[in-house]
């Protein structure tokens, strides 16, 4: 998180106000579409059904992909 300059609180806020989601290319993972500082972000998550938690794999601004 530090290399992308956001905190756990920022991440939780993005997840709370997510705009949508879609299946990731990796089976069992999901892409959460969010906004932060007026920029689009994607958060890759994977549900851990045994622990009943959502594991955040990574998060990045969409513009980095271009």
Protein backbone atom coordinates (compact mmCIF):
# COMPACT_ATOMS: atom_id res chain seq x y z
CA UNK A 1 0.00 0.00 0.00
CA UNK A 2 2.81 2.39 0.75
CA UNK A 3 4.21 2.24 -2.78
CA UNK A 4 0.80 3.26 -4.14
CA UNK A 5 0.42 5.98 -1.48
CA UNK A 6 -2.81 4.89 0.21
CA UNK A 7 -3.65 3.52 3.64
CA UNK A 8 -5.85 0.72 4.90
CA UNK A 9 -8.50 3.35 5.69
CA UNK A 10 -8.33 4.61 2.08
CA UNK A 11 -8.72 1.04 0.82
CA UNK A 12 -11.68 0.36 3.09
CA UNK A 13 -13.32 3.59 1.90
CA UNK A 14 -12.80 2.58 -1.75
CA UNK A 15 -14.37 -0.83 -1.08
CA UNK A 16 -17.28 0.70 0.82
CA UNK A 17 -18.07 3.04 -2.08
CA UNK A 18 -17.25 0.64 -4.93
CA UNK A 19 -18.84 1.43 -8.28
CA UNK A 20 -19.03 -2.16 -9.51
CA UNK A 21 -17.22 -5.44 -9.89
CA UNK A 22 -16.38 -8.04 -12.52
CA UNK A 23 -14.68 -11.42 -12.68
CA UNK A 24 -10.89 -11.27 -12.91
CA UNK A 25 -8.89 -13.26 -15.45
CA UNK A 26 -7.72 -15.45 -12.56
CA UNK A 27 -10.51 -17.83 -11.59
CA UNK A 28 -11.92 -17.15 -8.13
CA UNK A 29 -10.74 -13.54 -8.05
CA UNK A 30 -12.76 -10.39 -8.60
CA UNK A 31 -11.98 -6.87 -9.76
CA UNK A 32 -13.63 -4.18 -7.67
CA UNK A 33 -14.06 -0.89 -9.55
CA UNK A 34 -13.61 2.14 -7.31
CA UNK A 35 -12.59 5.81 -7.26
CA UNK A 36 -10.00 7.62 -5.18
CA UNK A 37 -8.94 11.23 -5.56
CA UNK A 38 -11.08 11.56 -8.71
CA UNK A 39 -9.25 8.66 -10.39
CA UNK A 40 -10.48 5.19 -11.30
CA UNK A 41 -8.94 2.33 -9.36
CA UNK A 42 -9.16 -1.45 -9.54
CA UNK A 43 -8.87 -3.62 -6.46
CA UNK A 44 -8.22 -7.30 -7.00
CA UNK A 45 -9.80 -9.45 -4.29
CA UNK A 46 -10.19 -13.13 -3.56
CA UNK A 47 -12.81 -14.48 -1.16
CA UNK A 48 -11.49 -16.88 1.47
CA UNK A 49 -14.62 -18.86 2.17
CA UNK A 50 -13.05 -20.95 4.94
CA UNK A 51 -12.05 -17.87 6.94
CA UNK A 52 -15.07 -15.83 5.77
CA UNK A 53 -12.88 -12.88 4.76
CA UNK A 54 -12.08 -10.98 1.59
CA UNK A 55 -8.36 -11.00 0.77
CA UNK A 56 -7.06 -7.95 -1.09
CA UNK A 57 -4.46 -9.11 -3.60
CA UNK A 58 -3.54 -5.68 -5.04
CA UNK A 59 -4.95 -2.27 -5.86
CA UNK A 60 -3.84 0.17 -8.55
CA UNK A 61 -4.99 3.24 -10.45
CA UNK A 62 -6.42 2.27 -13.84
CA UNK A 63 -4.31 4.87 -15.65
CA UNK A 64 -1.18 2.83 -14.83
CA UNK A 65 -2.41 0.23 -17.32
CA UNK A 66 -2.27 2.59 -20.30
